[in-house]
């Protein structure tokens, strides 16, 4: 019985093997960079949609009104200009082909003011869907250490998701509340709750994965929650889905909690 043949060295000897390993490592590194760029590009495209939706909603509100006052038109125009500037910044990021730098620790925004701005941007969708929005901002809530556009981006994503979840819910209600965290007063908690059908336990572990969505390819990119958590963590906070909704003025089934550090600037 003949002995089995043992595999010989790779063609080209040890030096050829080292060169092949180096080449494979370079290919893997290039593939990793390409994948990261693809993820960044997809993230930026997702973020581009929010200002576009806001601009469209503001324009639709103006078109629906039979009579408008000059102050109201000027207020809408200011919102449209701000959202257009946001689009310009996002396009600049794409042109640079780089991931945006993390938010500066010196950034500061009032939670109540940010929520008012987001509500005005989503007013058309709220009115069209008949969803009731209830807000509760504690009087002692301080400003948080985050850029205004970052807070607004997260809130828009959370509220838009809640609106999607309530599309077939009778008596739809979204509740938003903000308060200093009792267990850690260095952070403010902003919670967004809805009374929709809830999120299945089977998909909860994957909810913050990039490109994972339960809405279908035509309705969702699967980046809203992933991007929002990334923004929150970049500012020193976090974004989580609560296991239990807790006590609310109106019944709630799904609650997301955004935590951001309290600003130390006066």
Protein backbone atom coordinates (compact mmCIF):
# COMPACT_ATOMS: atom_id res chain seq x y z
CA UNK A 1 0.00 0.00 0.00
CA UNK A 2 1.55 3.29 -1.06
CA UNK A 3 1.99 6.17 1.34
CA UNK A 4 -0.27 9.18 0.75
CA UNK A 5 1.39 12.17 -0.84
CA UNK A 6 1.89 15.08 1.55
CA UNK A 7 1.13 18.52 0.19
CA UNK A 8 4.23 20.30 -0.99
CA UNK A 9 5.16 23.95 -0.47
CA UNK A 10 3.24 26.54 -2.45
CA UNK A 11 4.64 27.46 -5.86
CA UNK A 12 7.55 29.84 -5.66
CA UNK A 13 8.76 28.59 -2.25
CA UNK A 14 8.55 30.49 1.04
CA UNK A 15 9.17 33.86 -0.62
CA UNK A 16 6.28 33.30 -3.02
CA UNK A 17 4.06 32.32 -0.11
CA UNK A 18 4.90 35.54 1.79
CA UNK A 19 4.19 37.63 -1.28
CA UNK A 20 0.82 35.92 -1.71
CA UNK A 21 -0.07 36.57 1.93
CA UNK A 22 0.89 40.24 1.57
CA UNK A 23 -1.21 40.51 -1.57
CA UNK A 24 -4.21 38.94 0.16
CA UNK A 25 -3.82 41.31 3.11
CA UNK A 26 -3.73 44.29 0.76
CA UNK A 27 -6.85 43.03 -1.01
CA UNK A 28 -8.66 42.55 2.32
CA UNK A 29 -7.60 46.00 3.46
CA UNK A 30 -8.85 47.54 0.21
CA UNK A 31 -12.12 45.62 0.49
CA UNK A 32 -12.53 46.87 4.05
CA UNK A 33 -11.98 50.48 2.99
CA UNK A 34 -14.43 50.07 0.11
CA UNK A 35 -17.06 48.57 2.43
CA UNK A 36 -16.59 51.42 4.91
CA UNK A 37 -16.94 53.99 2.14
CA UNK A 38 -20.08 52.23 0.89
CA UNK A 39 -21.56 52.32 4.38
CA UNK A 40 -20.65 56.00 4.78
CA UNK A 41 -22.15 56.87 1.38
CA UNK A 42 -25.36 55.01 2.23
CA UNK A 43 -25.50 56.79 5.58
CA UNK A 44 -25.11 60.18 3.93
CA UNK A 45 -27.81 59.35 1.37
CA UNK A 46 -30.15 58.41 4.22
CA UNK A 47 -29.42 61.71 5.99
CA UNK A 48 -30.04 63.63 2.76
CA UNK A 49 -33.61 62.35 2.73
CA UNK A 50 -34.57 64.01 6.03
CA UNK A 51 -33.94 67.64 5.00
CA UNK A 52 -35.57 66.94 1.64
CA UNK A 53 -38.69 65.57 3.35
CA UNK A 54 -38.74 68.58 5.69
CA UNK A 55 -38.48 71.06 2.80
CA UNK A 56 -41.22 69.24 0.89
CA UNK A 57 -43.48 69.16 3.95
CA UNK A 58 -43.07 72.87 4.60
CA UNK A 59 -43.84 73.68 0.97
CA UNK A 60 -46.92 71.44 1.02
CA UNK A 61 -48.22 73.18 4.15
CA UNK A 62 -47.93 76.55 2.43
CA UNK A 63 -49.71 75.28 -0.68
CA UNK A 64 -52.59 73.89 1.39
CA UNK A 65 -53.27 77.17 3.16
CA UNK A 66 -55.86 79.44 1.55
CA UNK A 67 -54.43 82.46 3.32
CA UNK A 68 -51.01 82.93 4.86
CA UNK A 69 -49.50 85.68 6.96
CA UNK A 70 -46.15 87.24 6.12
CA UNK A 71 -44.61 86.23 9.46
CA UNK A 72 -45.61 82.61 8.86
CA UNK A 73 -44.13 82.62 5.36
CA UNK A 74 -40.89 84.13 6.67
CA UNK A 75 -40.72 81.49 9.42
CA UNK A 76 -41.19 78.70 6.88
CA UNK A 77 -38.57 80.31 4.64
CA UNK A 78 -36.07 80.32 7.52
CA UNK A 79 -36.69 76.61 8.10
CA UNK A 80 -36.21 75.88 4.41
CA UNK A 81 -32.94 77.82 4.33
CA UNK A 82 -31.65 75.95 7.40
CA UNK A 83 -32.52 72.59 5.87
CA UNK A 84 -30.90 73.63 2.59
CA UNK A 85 -27.71 74.50 4.49
CA UNK A 86 -27.85 71.05 6.08
CA UNK A 87 -28.06 69.53 2.59
CA UNK A 88 -25.07 71.58 1.51
CA UNK A 89 -23.01 70.28 4.44
CA UNK A 90 -23.97 66.66 3.68
CA UNK A 91 -23.04 67.05 0.03
CA UNK A 92 -19.69 68.54 1.10
CA UNK A 93 -19.06 65.43 3.20
CA UNK A 94 -19.72 63.25 0.18
CA UNK A 95 -17.38 65.31 -1.98
CA UNK A 96 -14.59 64.95 0.57
CA UNK A 97 -15.13 61.16 0.66
CA UNK A 98 -14.43 61.15 4.38
CA UNK A 99 -16.43 60.25 7.45
CA UNK A 100 -17.52 63.43 9.23
CA UNK A 101 -15.57 64.30 12.35
CA UNK A 102 -17.23 63.62 15.68
CA UNK A 103 -19.22 66.46 17.16
CA UNK A 104 -17.26 68.96 19.20
CA UNK A 105 -17.72 68.76 22.97
CA UNK A 106 -18.43 72.52 22.95
CA UNK A 107 -21.72 72.05 21.05
CA UNK A 108 -24.85 73.02 22.98
CA UNK A 109 -28.59 72.88 22.28
CA UNK A 110 -31.78 73.41 24.27
CA UNK A 111 -33.92 70.26 24.16
CA UNK A 112 -37.23 72.12 24.07
CA UNK A 113 -36.14 74.37 21.20
CA UNK A 114 -34.87 71.39 19.23
CA UNK A 115 -38.14 69.53 19.70
CA UNK A 116 -40.17 72.56 18.57
CA UNK A 117 -38.12 72.80 15.39
CA UNK A 118 -38.50 69.08 14.64
CA UNK A 119 -42.24 69.25 15.27
CA UNK A 120 -42.61 72.11 12.81
CA UNK A 121 -40.66 70.16 10.18
CA UNK A 122 -42.93 67.13 10.62
CA UNK A 123 -46.15 69.12 10.95
CA UNK A 124 -47.36 68.12 7.49
CA UNK A 125 -46.98 64.37 8.20
CA UNK A 126 -48.59 64.69 11.62
CA UNK A 127 -51.55 66.56 10.16
CA UNK A 128 -51.89 64.21 7.18
CA UNK A 129 -51.82 61.02 9.29
CA UNK A 130 -53.93 62.36 12.16
CA UNK A 131 -51.32 61.36 14.74
CA UNK A 132 -51.57 63.16 18.07
CA UNK A 133 -48.19 64.38 19.38
CA UNK A 134 -47.91 65.03 23.10
CA UNK A 135 -44.75 66.52 24.61
CA UNK A 136 -43.63 66.83 28.20
CA UNK A 137 -40.40 68.74 28.86
CA UNK A 138 -39.42 68.99 32.52
CA UNK A 139 -38.85 72.63 33.55
CA UNK A 140 -35.38 71.86 34.92
CA UNK A 141 -34.05 70.16 31.77
CA UNK A 142 -30.69 71.80 30.93
CA UNK A 143 -29.13 72.19 27.50
CA UNK A 144 -27.32 69.09 26.22
CA UNK A 145 -23.81 68.83 24.80
CA UNK A 146 -24.65 68.10 21.17
CA UNK A 147 -24.94 70.10 17.94
CA UNK A 148 -28.48 71.28 17.20
CA UNK A 149 -28.60 69.44 13.87
CA UNK A 150 -27.46 66.21 15.58
CA UNK A 151 -30.28 66.30 18.14
CA UNK A 152 -32.79 67.17 15.43
CA UNK A 153 -31.56 64.36 13.17
CA UNK A 154 -32.07 61.78 15.92
CA UNK A 155 -35.50 63.12 16.88
CA UNK A 156 -36.63 63.24 13.24
CA UNK A 157 -35.57 59.62 12.77
CA UNK A 158 -37.36 58.49 15.94
CA UNK A 159 -40.55 60.43 15.19
CA UNK A 160 -40.58 59.32 11.55
CA UNK A 161 -40.25 55.68 12.65
CA UNK A 162 -43.10 56.16 15.11
CA UNK A 163 -45.26 57.69 12.37
CA UNK A 164 -44.55 54.70 10.13
CA UNK A 165 -45.42 52.29 12.96
CA UNK A 166 -48.77 54.03 13.56
CA UNK A 167 -49.99 53.88 9.95
CA UNK A 168 -52.71 51.32 10.77
CA UNK A 169 -53.30 52.12 14.46
CA UNK A 170 -56.63 53.60 15.57
CA UNK A 171 -56.21 56.62 17.84
CA UNK A 172 -52.47 56.99 17.10
CA UNK A 173 -50.44 58.87 19.71
CA UNK A 174 -46.76 59.76 19.95
CA UNK A 175 -45.45 60.96 23.30
CA UNK A 176 -42.12 62.69 23.88
CA UNK A 177 -40.73 63.57 27.26
CA UNK A 178 -37.40 64.93 28.45
CA UNK A 179 -35.99 64.94 31.95
CA UNK A 180 -32.72 64.77 33.83
CA UNK A 181 -31.87 61.15 34.63
CA UNK A 182 -32.44 60.66 38.39
CA UNK A 183 -29.76 57.97 38.59
CA UNK A 184 -27.19 60.11 36.76
CA UNK A 185 -27.88 63.88 36.70
CA UNK A 186 -24.99 64.42 34.29
CA UNK A 187 -27.28 63.10 31.53
CA UNK A 188 -30.64 64.08 30.07
CA UNK A 189 -33.03 61.37 28.87
CA UNK A 190 -35.32 62.07 25.92
CA UNK A 191 -37.90 59.34 25.35
CA UNK A 192 -40.12 58.82 22.32
CA UNK A 193 -43.10 56.49 22.76
CA UNK A 194 -45.87 55.32 20.45
CA UNK A 195 -48.96 53.13 20.83
CA UNK A 196 -48.41 51.12 17.64
CA UNK A 197 -48.21 47.32 17.32
CA UNK A 198 -44.81 47.18 18.99
CA UNK A 199 -41.54 45.58 17.88
CA UNK A 200 -41.29 41.79 17.75
CA UNK A 201 -38.78 40.32 20.20
CA UNK A 202 -37.20 38.29 17.40
CA UNK A 203 -35.96 41.42 15.58
CA UNK A 204 -34.98 43.54 18.59
CA UNK A 205 -31.35 42.29 18.76
CA UNK A 206 -30.79 43.45 15.17
CA UNK A 207 -32.68 46.72 15.38
CA UNK A 208 -29.57 48.94 15.40
CA UNK A 209 -27.69 47.04 12.71
CA UNK A 210 -26.87 48.99 9.57
CA UNK A 211 -29.18 48.14 6.63
CA UNK A 212 -31.55 46.05 8.79
CA UNK A 213 -35.17 47.14 8.35
CA UNK A 214 -38.63 45.74 9.00
CA UNK A 215 -40.28 48.21 6.60
CA UNK A 216 -39.32 46.67 3.29
CA UNK A 217 -36.80 47.95 0.74
CA UNK A 218 -39.12 50.62 -0.70
CA UNK A 219 -39.93 52.24 2.65
CA UNK A 220 -36.75 51.98 4.69
CA UNK A 221 -32.98 51.95 4.26
CA UNK A 222 -32.23 50.29 7.59
CA UNK A 223 -29.90 53.15 8.56
CA UNK A 224 -32.08 55.50 10.63
CA UNK A 225 -31.55 53.85 14.02
CA UNK A 226 -27.94 52.87 13.28
CA UNK A 227 -27.08 56.44 12.30
CA UNK A 228 -28.97 57.88 15.27
CA UNK A 229 -27.15 55.65 17.75
CA UNK A 230 -23.82 56.53 16.13
CA UNK A 231 -24.59 60.25 16.46
CA UNK A 232 -25.67 59.83 20.09
CA UNK A 233 -22.54 57.88 21.03
CA UNK A 234 -20.37 60.38 19.17
CA UNK A 235 -21.77 63.05 21.51
CA UNK A 236 -21.06 60.91 24.58
CA UNK A 237 -24.59 59.53 24.98
CA UNK A 238 -26.55 56.53 23.72
CA UNK A 239 -29.79 55.39 22.12
CA UNK A 240 -31.62 52.26 23.25
CA UNK A 241 -34.97 50.52 22.92
CA UNK A 242 -36.51 50.01 26.36
CA UNK A 243 -37.54 46.47 27.22
CA UNK A 244 -40.70 47.76 28.92
CA UNK A 245 -42.47 51.02 28.05
CA UNK A 246 -43.02 52.07 31.65
CA UNK A 247 -45.68 54.51 32.86
CA UNK A 248 -47.04 57.14 30.45
CA UNK A 249 -50.04 59.46 30.39
CA UNK A 250 -51.33 57.55 27.36
CA UNK A 251 -50.84 53.80 26.70
CA UNK A 252 -47.50 53.09 25.01
CA UNK A 253 -46.04 49.96 23.42
CA UNK A 254 -42.64 51.07 22.07
CA UNK A 255 -40.21 53.47 23.75
CA UNK A 256 -36.80 54.62 22.57
CA UNK A 257 -34.58 56.45 25.05
CA UNK A 258 -31.96 58.93 23.90
CA UNK A 259 -29.43 59.99 26.54
CA UNK A 260 -27.10 62.94 26.03
CA UNK A 261 -24.65 64.58 28.43
CA UNK A 262 -25.69 67.82 30.06
CA UNK A 263 -23.83 70.78 28.64
CA UNK A 264 -21.29 72.39 30.98
CA UNK A 265 -21.34 75.65 29.05
CA UNK A 266 -23.28 78.59 30.41
